[in-house]
Amino acid sequence: SAIGGETIDKRNLVGMEDYLPFIPGVSMQDRGTGQNDVVVRGISVGDQGEGNPATGIYFGETPVTGLSNPTNFQGAGSADIKLVDIERVEVLKGPQGTLYGAGSMGGTVRIIPNKPNLSELGGKVAASFSQTGEEGGDNTMVQGVINLPLIEDQLAVRAVVYQFDNDGYIDNIANSYQSESALIAQRISEGGVAVDRKVGGQESTGYRLSALWQPIEQFSATLSYINQEVDQEGFTSININLPGDFQQTNMAIESNGRGEFQNNETDIINLILEYDFGWGTLFSSTSNTEFSAGSGFDGSLFFGEVTSTLAVRDKDILVQELRFVSALDGPIQVLLGYYYEDNEAHTVNAIDSRGLIFIPGAGRATFDGVNVVEQQSLFGELSYNLTEQFTATLGFRYFDYDQSKPLSLLNGAVRSNHGQAGNISDTNYKFNLSYKPNDDTLIYAQWAEGFRIG
């Protein structure tokens, strides 16, 4: 399934929650910034805290799968780069483990931004204002795009900037009561409830810069930089069994001077090199992604007592991909590629046990851990045109990854899983038979495998 840029603009599509739930065979859970779970054809890892996602997410040529806030300690969410100046969004259904690698068990979502235009000066400015009724408030959006050719037909730059500010609409009645449900129920009955209104508001700010250089017809180089910051006040989850109009009973997080929150920042640098030989194209994509996130939330649900949890996660990911795609005369076409990824994540969780009710032994527990994954893959596809309408495709991907935990501390002491390491290698396969009776119809049967990092 594909959504074009014109449809994105007309329908005012911004984030995953706007477009993914309306694609057949796709569903999504959105629990706030960085906490999303995309399910394609029912393939899911279950709860978001269970580990790495089962659906791959790409922005351009950069995988952003598994960039998530550390609210659930592991966090299966992926980066949600906003749809501003986007050429199209593609949703590939079914396992994509041959071409797109880890995380694409159920499918892959590709967000493809507009490239710089080498010959035309252009731009766009847009703004909007709305108001959420009942408990909500004002929502605003501003965005701007400019395309500037510096050397006609050879060099151009493109800049994008945006801000989305959506007010919250949830009343948190227990904002100043770090207590068990019995005390909350008493406060409700007395009518003297501290209310934190408009919880769940979110502000997303970002910009993209890209430059396209094409000195000769056969060669092009594209360098881009992406930055996006998301700040969410409180959480959007609600308690459906509360009396009256009350919606949420999460407590405040006092140690950081603010209530519950989520925030993250994504920085991506990507260099794409392409050379067209005429009988095939050689392609290289080099990406470096830095992701940082923080959250403060009511930990009582997880730990069974009055607790608050502060969590911080930093990720540094280097990805290099090389691939060759043929354009041969005759019925046979070939795709061959190599993929390398170095992914390091550092997570710190501080759990405070405290509240209005005294708990013996209350204090703070801190968890400090590093997880490192190094992955290499060889992949390829061979396509054969049986007739002008029938095409058969065979695909494979051999992958090998090492995973280790060089640092794992509990309250400053080395944990039992400190220094653990493991290696896994295997091969995924794919077979596709497609029939295209006309330009508007495609009928295909496919058998394919996918995988995710364990």
Protein backbone atom coordinates (compact mmCIF):
# COMPACT_ATOMS: atom_id res chain seq x y z
CA SER A 1 0.00 0.00 0.00
CA ALA A 2 1.21 3.50 -0.80
CA ILE A 3 0.10 6.99 0.26
CA GLY A 4 1.23 9.83 -2.00
CA GLY A 5 2.34 13.30 -0.95
CA GLU A 6 -0.84 14.92 -2.30
CA THR A 7 -3.00 12.64 -0.15
CA ILE A 8 -0.81 13.33 2.88
CA ASP A 9 -1.34 17.08 2.47
CA LYS A 10 -5.08 16.92 1.72
CA ARG A 11 -5.84 14.61 4.66
CA ASN A 12 -3.42 16.47 6.97
CA LEU A 13 -1.58 13.27 7.90
CA VAL A 14 1.16 13.91 10.47
CA GLY A 15 2.11 10.85 12.51
CA MET A 16 1.74 7.09 12.50
CA GLU A 17 -1.58 7.27 14.33
CA ASP A 18 -3.01 9.28 11.41
CA TYR A 19 -2.33 6.90 8.53
CA LEU A 20 -1.34 3.39 9.64
CA PRO A 21 -4.67 2.33 11.29
CA PHE A 22 -6.51 3.03 8.00
CA ILE A 23 -4.39 0.73 5.82
CA PRO A 24 -5.95 -2.73 5.34
CA GLY A 25 -4.11 -5.42 7.29
CA VAL A 26 -2.36 -2.89 9.57
CA SER A 27 -3.17 -1.88 13.15
CA MET A 28 -1.36 0.27 15.65
CA GLN A 29 -1.21 1.09 19.34
CA ASP A 30 0.02 4.57 20.27
CA ARG A 31 0.75 5.14 23.96
CA GLY A 32 2.52 8.44 23.55
CA THR A 33 5.78 9.65 22.12
CA GLY A 34 8.13 6.80 21.27
CA GLN A 35 5.67 4.18 22.57
CA ASN A 36 4.06 2.71 19.46
CA ASP A 37 3.41 -0.82 18.31
CA VAL A 38 2.78 -1.41 14.58
CA VAL A 39 1.14 -4.73 13.72
CA VAL A 40 0.97 -5.94 10.10
CA ARG A 41 -1.26 -8.93 9.36
CA GLY A 42 -1.36 -9.86 13.03
CA ILE A 43 2.40 -10.32 13.49
CA SER A 44 3.29 -8.74 16.84
CA VAL A 45 5.62 -9.20 19.80
CA GLY A 46 2.71 -8.75 22.20
CA ASP A 47 3.12 -6.10 24.87
CA GLN A 48 5.34 -3.17 23.96
CA GLY A 49 7.76 -4.02 26.73
CA GLU A 50 8.51 -7.47 25.33
CA GLY A 51 11.48 -6.45 23.18
CA ASN A 52 12.36 -5.41 19.65
CA PRO A 53 9.53 -4.62 17.20
CA ALA A 54 8.12 -7.01 14.61
CA THR A 55 7.59 -4.28 11.98
CA GLY A 56 10.48 -2.41 10.37
CA ILE A 57 10.32 1.39 10.08
CA TYR A 58 12.51 3.34 7.63
CA PHE A 59 12.86 7.07 7.04
CA GLY A 60 14.39 7.34 3.60
CA GLU A 61 17.24 4.81 3.62
CA THR A 62 17.74 4.93 7.41
CA PRO A 63 16.19 2.29 9.68
CA VAL A 64 14.56 3.89 12.74
CA THR A 65 13.15 0.63 14.12
CA GLY A 66 13.44 0.28 17.88
CA LEU A 67 14.07 3.95 18.68
CA SER A 68 11.73 4.32 21.65
CA ASN A 69 11.25 5.94 25.01
CA PRO A 70 12.38 3.74 27.93
CA THR A 71 9.04 3.81 29.74
CA ASN A 72 8.64 0.04 29.62
CA PHE A 73 12.38 -0.54 30.19
CA GLN A 74 12.84 -2.30 26.84
CA GLY A 75 10.37 -0.37 24.70
CA ALA A 76 9.33 -1.83 21.37
CA GLY A 77 8.44 1.51 19.77
CA SER A 78 10.06 3.15 16.75
CA ALA A 79 10.79 6.75 15.77
CA ASP A 80 7.79 8.62 14.37
CA ILE A 81 9.26 11.29 12.08
CA LYS A 82 6.46 13.68 11.13
CA LEU A 83 5.08 13.72 7.58
CA VAL A 84 6.24 17.12 6.35
CA ASP A 85 7.38 17.44 2.71
CA ILE A 86 7.02 13.72 2.07
CA GLU A 87 6.95 12.11 -1.38
CA ARG A 88 5.08 9.00 -0.26
CA VAL A 89 4.65 6.39 2.47
CA GLU A 90 4.91 2.71 1.55
CA VAL A 91 3.66 -0.21 3.64
CA LEU A 92 5.10 -3.55 2.53
CA LYS A 93 2.99 -6.37 3.99
CA GLY A 94 4.31 -9.75 4.95
CA PRO A 95 7.84 -10.71 6.05
CA GLN A 96 10.54 -8.54 4.44
CA GLY A 97 13.50 -10.32 6.02
CA THR A 98 15.42 -10.63 2.74
CA LEU A 99 15.59 -6.97 1.65
CA TYR A 100 14.96 -5.11 4.92
CA GLY A 101 16.49 -7.34 7.57
CA ALA A 102 15.87 -7.31 11.31
CA GLY A 103 12.49 -6.19 12.59
CA SER A 104 10.55 -6.82 9.37
CA MET A 105 8.74 -10.00 10.45
CA GLY A 106 5.27 -8.66 9.74
CA GLY A 107 6.22 -6.00 7.19
CA THR A 108 8.01 -2.70 6.66
CA VAL A 109 6.89 0.94 6.67
CA ARG A 110 8.95 3.27 4.46
CA ILE A 111 8.61 7.07 4.73
CA ILE A 112 10.24 8.63 1.65
CA PRO A 113 10.96 12.40 1.80
CA ASN A 114 11.06 14.69 -1.21
CA LYS A 115 14.51 15.12 -2.76
CA PRO A 116 16.02 18.49 -3.67
CA ASN A 117 14.95 19.65 -7.13
CA LEU A 118 17.92 20.59 -9.32
CA SER A 119 16.05 22.94 -11.67
CA GLU A 120 13.14 24.66 -9.86
CA LEU A 121 13.02 27.28 -7.09
CA GLY A 122 10.05 26.62 -4.85
CA GLY A 123 8.68 26.51 -1.36
CA LYS A 124 5.64 26.29 0.88
CA VAL A 125 4.43 27.87 4.12
CA ALA A 126 1.47 26.45 6.04
CA ALA A 127 -0.19 27.04 9.39
CA SER A 128 -3.27 25.76 11.18
CA PHE A 129 -5.21 26.33 14.37
CA SER A 130 -7.80 24.15 16.05
CA GLN A 131 -9.35 23.63 19.44
CA THR A 132 -10.20 20.37 21.16
CA GLY A 133 -13.59 20.56 22.80
CA GLU A 134 -14.62 19.65 26.34
CA GLU A 135 -11.41 19.19 28.38
CA GLY A 136 -8.93 20.14 25.63
CA GLY A 137 -7.41 23.39 24.49
CA ASP A 138 -5.68 25.03 21.53
CA ASN A 139 -3.67 23.14 18.91
CA THR A 140 -1.32 24.83 16.43
CA MET A 141 0.85 23.84 13.48
CA VAL A 142 3.40 25.78 11.43
CA GLN A 143 5.69 24.44 8.72
CA GLY A 144 7.85 25.74 5.90
CA VAL A 145 9.68 24.23 2.93
CA ILE A 146 12.14 25.83 0.52
CA ASN A 147 13.99 24.34 -2.46
CA LEU A 148 16.95 26.30 -3.82
CA PRO A 149 18.97 25.30 -6.94
CA LEU A 150 22.53 26.60 -6.51
CA ILE A 151 23.95 25.27 -9.79
CA GLU A 152 21.25 24.50 -12.33
CA ASP A 153 20.87 20.76 -12.99
CA GLN A 154 23.87 20.00 -10.76
CA LEU A 155 23.46 21.24 -7.17
CA ALA A 156 20.42 22.03 -5.04
CA VAL A 157 19.50 22.29 -1.35
CA ARG A 158 16.17 21.76 0.37
CA ALA A 159 15.16 22.85 3.88
CA VAL A 160 12.14 21.84 5.97
CA VAL A 161 11.06 23.18 9.37
CA TYR A 162 7.94 22.41 11.42
CA GLN A 163 6.27 22.58 14.82
CA PHE A 164 3.14 20.77 16.00
CA ASP A 165 1.71 21.73 19.40
CA ASN A 166 -1.29 19.67 20.50
CA ASP A 167 -2.89 20.36 23.86
CA GLY A 168 -3.80 17.54 26.25
CA TYR A 169 -7.35 16.70 27.26
CA ILE A 170 -7.05 14.23 30.17
CA ASP A 171 -7.67 15.18 33.83
CA ASN A 172 -5.27 13.47 36.24
CA ILE A 173 -7.04 13.57 39.57
CA ALA A 174 -4.20 12.06 41.65
CA ASN A 175 -1.49 14.42 40.55
CA SER A 176 -0.49 15.33 44.11
CA TYR A 177 -1.51 12.09 45.81
CA GLN A 178 1.20 9.43 45.80
CA SER A 179 -1.07 6.86 47.34
CA GLU A 180 -2.94 3.62 46.95
CA SER A 181 -6.35 3.40 45.33
CA ALA A 182 -8.21 3.39 48.65
CA LEU A 183 -6.95 6.86 49.52
CA ILE A 184 -7.70 8.08 46.00
CA ALA A 185 -11.28 6.78 46.31
CA GLN A 186 -11.63 8.62 49.63
CA ARG A 187 -10.43 11.87 48.10
CA ILE A 188 -12.90 11.48 45.24
CA SER A 189 -15.79 10.91 47.64
CA GLU A 190 -14.79 13.98 49.65
CA GLY A 191 -14.66 16.11 46.52
CA GLY A 192 -11.27 17.55 47.48
CA VAL A 193 -9.22 16.23 44.59
CA ALA A 194 -6.07 17.78 43.20
CA VAL A 195 -6.50 17.88 39.43
CA ASP A 196 -3.76 18.19 36.81
CA ARG A 197 -5.72 19.23 33.75
CA LYS A 198 -4.91 18.72 30.08
CA VAL A 199 -2.50 15.86 30.62
CA GLY A 200 -1.03 14.31 27.46
CA GLY A 201 -0.21 17.45 25.50
CA GLN A 202 2.59 17.01 23.00
CA GLU A 203 4.92 19.37 21.15
CA SER A 204 6.97 18.16 18.16
CA THR A 205 9.63 20.40 16.61
CA GLY A 206 11.92 19.44 13.78
CA TYR A 207 13.88 20.39 10.72
CA ARG A 208 15.58 18.68 7.77
CA LEU A 209 18.39 19.87 5.52
CA SER A 210 19.37 18.03 2.35
CA ALA A 211 21.72 18.71 -0.56
CA LEU A 212 21.79 16.89 -3.92
CA TRP A 213 24.88 17.04 -6.13
CA GLN A 214 24.80 15.54 -9.63
CA PRO A 215 27.92 16.61 -11.56
CA ILE A 216 27.28 14.06 -14.33
CA GLU A 217 24.18 12.21 -15.42
CA GLN A 218 25.41 8.86 -14.12
CA PHE A 219 26.45 9.93 -10.58
CA SER A 220 24.63 11.63 -7.70
CA ALA A 221 25.33 12.29 -4.02
CA THR A 222 22.70 13.25 -1.45
CA LEU A 223 23.62 14.44 2.06
CA SER A 224 20.84 15.02 4.59
CA TYR A 225 20.45 15.90 8.26
CA ILE A 226 17.30 15.35 10.32
CA ASN A 227 16.51 16.63 13.81
CA GLN A 228 13.26 16.13 15.69
CA GLU A 229 12.39 16.81 19.34
CA VAL A 230 9.21 15.60 21.00
CA ASP A 231 8.06 16.68 24.48
CA GLN A 232 4.94 15.19 26.04
CA GLU A 233 3.49 16.27 29.38
CA GLY A 234 1.99 13.30 31.18
CA PHE A 235 0.58 10.14 29.63
CA THR A 236 -2.43 9.59 27.42
CA SER A 237 -3.57 6.32 29.03
CA ILE A 238 -6.79 6.46 31.05
CA ASN A 239 -8.48 4.41 33.78
CA ILE A 240 -11.82 3.30 32.34
CA ASN A 241 -13.35 2.33 35.72
CA LEU A 242 -13.14 5.71 37.48
CA PRO A 243 -16.36 7.35 38.70
CA GLY A 244 -17.88 10.40 37.04
CA ASP A 245 -15.77 12.31 34.54
CA PHE A 246 -12.42 11.41 36.09
CA GLN A 247 -9.98 9.89 33.62
CA GLN A 248 -6.59 9.18 35.19
CA THR A 249 -5.08 8.54 38.65
CA ASN A 250 -1.35 8.72 37.94
CA MET A 251 0.72 10.44 40.60
CA ALA A 252 3.22 13.25 40.29
CA ILE A 253 6.97 12.78 39.88
CA GLU A 254 8.41 15.20 42.41
CA SER A 255 12.15 14.55 42.22
CA ASN A 256 12.54 16.23 38.84
CA GLY A 257 10.31 19.19 39.55
CA ARG A 258 7.59 18.25 37.07
CA GLY A 259 4.78 15.76 36.62
CA GLU A 260 4.88 12.66 34.47
CA PHE A 261 6.54 13.25 31.12
CA GLN A 262 8.10 11.74 28.01
CA ASN A 263 10.59 13.37 25.67
CA ASN A 264 13.02 12.35 22.97
CA GLU A 265 15.36 13.78 20.37
CA THR A 266 16.39 12.12 17.11
CA ASP A 267 19.42 13.17 15.02
CA ILE A 268 20.12 11.43 11.69
CA ILE A 269 22.94 12.08 9.21
CA ASN A 270 22.64 10.18 5.92
CA LEU A 271 24.89 10.10 2.84
CA ILE A 272 23.63 8.40 -0.32
CA LEU A 273 25.85 7.74 -3.33
CA GLU A 274 24.50 6.35 -6.62
CA TYR A 275 26.21 5.45 -9.89
CA ASP A 276 24.32 4.28 -12.97
CA PHE A 277 26.35 2.02 -15.27
CA GLY A 278 23.50 1.68 -17.73
CA TRP A 279 23.25 -2.09 -17.16
CA GLY A 280 22.83 -1.58 -13.41
CA THR A 281 23.04 0.85 -10.51
CA LEU A 282 25.45 0.75 -7.57
CA PHE A 283 24.02 2.29 -4.41
CA SER A 284 25.58 3.19 -1.04
CA SER A 285 23.83 4.52 2.05
CA THR A 286 25.71 5.55 5.22
CA SER A 287 23.70 6.64 8.27
CA ASN A 288 24.52 7.69 11.80
CA THR A 289 21.60 7.99 14.19
CA GLU A 290 21.76 9.46 17.69
CA PHE A 291 18.68 9.08 19.84
CA SER A 292 18.11 10.27 23.41
CA ALA A 293 14.95 9.93 25.47
CA GLY A 294 13.69 10.44 28.99
CA SER A 295 10.54 9.73 30.94
CA GLY A 296 9.10 10.04 34.40
CA PHE A 297 6.08 7.94 35.29
CA ASP A 298 4.04 6.30 38.00
CA GLY A 299 5.66 2.91 38.62
CA SER A 300 2.96 1.55 40.95
CA LEU A 301 1.45 -0.54 38.16
CA PHE A 302 4.73 -2.41 37.70
CA PHE A 303 6.04 -2.63 41.27
CA GLY A 304 2.90 -2.93 43.38
CA GLU A 305 3.67 -0.08 45.77
CA VAL A 306 3.87 3.69 45.69
CA THR A 307 6.78 4.24 43.33
CA SER A 308 7.92 6.71 40.73
CA THR A 309 10.34 5.87 37.95
CA LEU A 310 12.71 8.11 36.02
CA ALA A 311 14.28 6.57 32.93
CA VAL A 312 16.86 7.79 30.40
CA ARG A 313 17.97 6.08 27.20
CA ASP A 314 20.69 6.97 24.69
CA LYS A 315 21.30 5.15 21.41
CA ASP A 316 24.06 5.50 18.84
CA ILE A 317 23.57 3.56 15.59
CA LEU A 318 25.86 3.33 12.56
CA VAL A 319 24.44 1.71 9.43
CA GLN A 320 26.19 1.03 6.12
CA GLU A 321 24.41 -0.56 3.17
CA LEU A 322 25.74 -1.35 -0.30
CA ARG A 323 23.57 -2.81 -3.04
CA PHE A 324 23.63 -3.38 -6.77
CA VAL A 325 20.44 -3.49 -8.86
CA SER A 326 20.72 -4.71 -12.45
CA ALA A 327 19.01 -3.30 -15.54
CA LEU A 328 19.95 -6.11 -17.94
CA ASP A 329 18.51 -6.86 -21.35
CA GLY A 330 16.65 -10.15 -21.25
CA PRO A 331 14.49 -11.99 -18.71
CA ILE A 332 16.93 -12.11 -15.77
CA GLN A 333 17.49 -9.35 -13.17
CA VAL A 334 19.72 -9.46 -10.09
CA LEU A 335 19.90 -7.57 -6.79
CA LEU A 336 22.86 -8.07 -4.44
CA GLY A 337 23.66 -6.23 -1.22
CA TYR A 338 25.64 -6.00 2.02
CA TYR A 339 24.41 -4.52 5.31
CA TYR A 340 26.34 -3.57 8.45
CA GLU A 341 24.96 -2.14 11.71
CA ASP A 342 26.62 -1.16 14.99
CA ASN A 343 23.94 -0.39 17.59
CA GLU A 344 24.75 0.66 21.17
CA ALA A 345 22.06 1.48 23.73
CA HIS A 346 22.59 2.84 27.26
CA THR A 347 19.61 2.87 29.64
CA VAL A 348 19.38 4.15 33.22
CA ASN A 349 16.31 3.63 35.42
CA ALA A 350 15.87 5.16 38.89
CA ILE A 351 12.96 3.74 40.89
CA ASP A 352 11.83 5.63 44.00
CA SER A 353 9.59 3.98 46.59
CA ARG A 354 7.88 6.70 48.55
CA GLY A 355 4.55 8.46 49.07
CA LEU A 356 1.96 9.66 51.55
CA ILE A 357 1.85 6.19 53.09
CA PHE A 358 5.08 5.10 54.80
CA ILE A 359 6.61 1.99 53.25
CA PRO A 360 9.30 0.17 55.28
CA GLY A 361 12.57 0.09 53.41
CA ALA A 362 11.52 2.80 50.99
CA GLY A 363 14.35 4.23 48.96
CA ARG A 364 15.80 4.36 45.47
CA ALA A 365 16.93 1.54 43.21
CA THR A 366 18.99 2.37 40.11
CA PHE A 367 19.51 0.15 37.09
CA ASP A 368 22.29 1.00 34.65
CA GLY A 369 22.78 -1.11 31.54
CA VAL A 370 24.40 -1.14 28.10
CA ASN A 371 23.33 -3.38 25.22
CA VAL A 372 25.48 -3.64 22.08
CA VAL A 373 24.41 -5.31 18.82
CA GLU A 374 26.71 -5.68 15.81
CA GLN A 375 25.01 -7.08 12.71
CA GLN A 376 26.17 -8.04 9.22
CA SER A 377 24.08 -9.35 6.35
CA LEU A 378 24.43 -10.51 2.76
CA PHE A 379 21.23 -10.41 0.73
CA GLY A 380 20.06 -10.84 -2.82
CA GLU A 381 17.21 -11.53 -5.21
CA LEU A 382 17.07 -13.23 -8.62
CA SER A 383 14.08 -12.44 -10.83
CA TYR A 384 13.14 -14.30 -14.01
CA ASN A 385 10.43 -13.18 -16.43
CA LEU A 386 8.69 -16.40 -17.46
CA THR A 387 6.52 -14.37 -19.86
CA GLU A 388 5.75 -10.67 -20.23
CA GLN A 389 3.14 -11.06 -17.47
CA PHE A 390 4.65 -13.77 -15.23
CA THR A 391 7.71 -13.15 -13.02
CA ALA A 392 9.31 -15.52 -10.52
CA THR A 393 11.63 -14.17 -7.78
CA LEU A 394 13.94 -15.99 -5.39
CA GLY A 395 15.46 -14.11 -2.46
CA PHE A 396 17.77 -14.77 0.49
CA ARG A 397 19.40 -12.97 3.39
CA TYR A 398 22.24 -14.41 5.44
CA PHE A 399 22.57 -12.54 8.73
CA ASP A 400 25.02 -12.75 11.60
CA TYR A 401 24.83 -10.67 14.75
CA ASP A 402 26.64 -10.43 18.06
CA GLN A 403 24.85 -9.11 21.14
CA SER A 404 26.51 -8.26 24.43
CA LYS A 405 25.94 -6.50 27.75
CA PRO A 406 29.32 -5.02 28.71
CA LEU A 407 27.73 -2.97 31.53
CA SER A 408 24.87 -3.94 33.84
CA LEU A 409 24.66 -2.44 37.34
CA LEU A 410 22.12 -2.47 40.15
CA ASN A 411 22.67 0.32 42.70
CA GLY A 412 26.26 0.55 41.46
CA ALA A 413 26.98 -3.18 41.90
CA VAL A 414 27.67 -5.53 39.01
CA ARG A 415 24.60 -7.61 38.12
CA SER A 416 24.59 -11.30 37.22
CA ASN A 417 24.00 -10.57 33.53
CA HIS A 418 27.06 -8.29 33.31
CA GLY A 419 29.38 -9.36 30.50
CA GLN A 420 26.86 -11.68 28.81
CA ALA A 421 27.35 -12.13 25.06
CA GLY A 422 25.96 -14.29 22.29
CA ASN A 423 26.05 -14.80 18.53
CA ILE A 424 23.34 -15.89 16.11
CA SER A 425 23.54 -16.49 12.36
CA ASP A 426 20.93 -17.86 9.98
CA THR A 427 19.46 -17.43 6.50
CA ASN A 428 16.01 -16.18 5.49
CA TYR A 429 14.43 -17.08 2.16
CA LYS A 430 11.71 -15.75 -0.08
CA PHE A 431 9.80 -16.98 -3.13
CA ASN A 432 7.41 -14.81 -5.13
CA LEU A 433 5.34 -15.55 -8.23
CA SER A 434 3.54 -12.56 -9.71
CA TYR A 435 1.13 -12.07 -12.60
CA LYS A 436 0.35 -8.68 -14.12
CA PRO A 437 -2.48 -8.96 -16.68
CA ASN A 438 -2.56 -5.17 -17.21
CA ASP A 439 -1.09 -1.94 -15.84
CA ASP A 440 -3.73 -1.66 -13.11
CA THR A 441 -3.75 -5.21 -11.75
CA LEU A 442 -1.19 -7.33 -9.88
CA ILE A 443 -1.83 -10.84 -8.60
CA TYR A 444 0.90 -12.55 -6.60
CA ALA A 445 1.66 -15.44 -4.27
CA GLN A 446 4.57 -15.18 -1.85
CA TRP A 447 6.31 -17.28 0.77
CA ALA A 448 8.81 -15.35 2.89
CA GLU A 449 10.62 -15.32 6.23
CA GLY A 450 11.53 -12.52 8.61
CA PHE A 451 13.44 -12.13 11.86
CA ARG A 452 14.12 -9.75 14.72
CA ILE A 453 16.98 -9.39 17.16
CA GLY A 454 16.35 -11.70 20.14
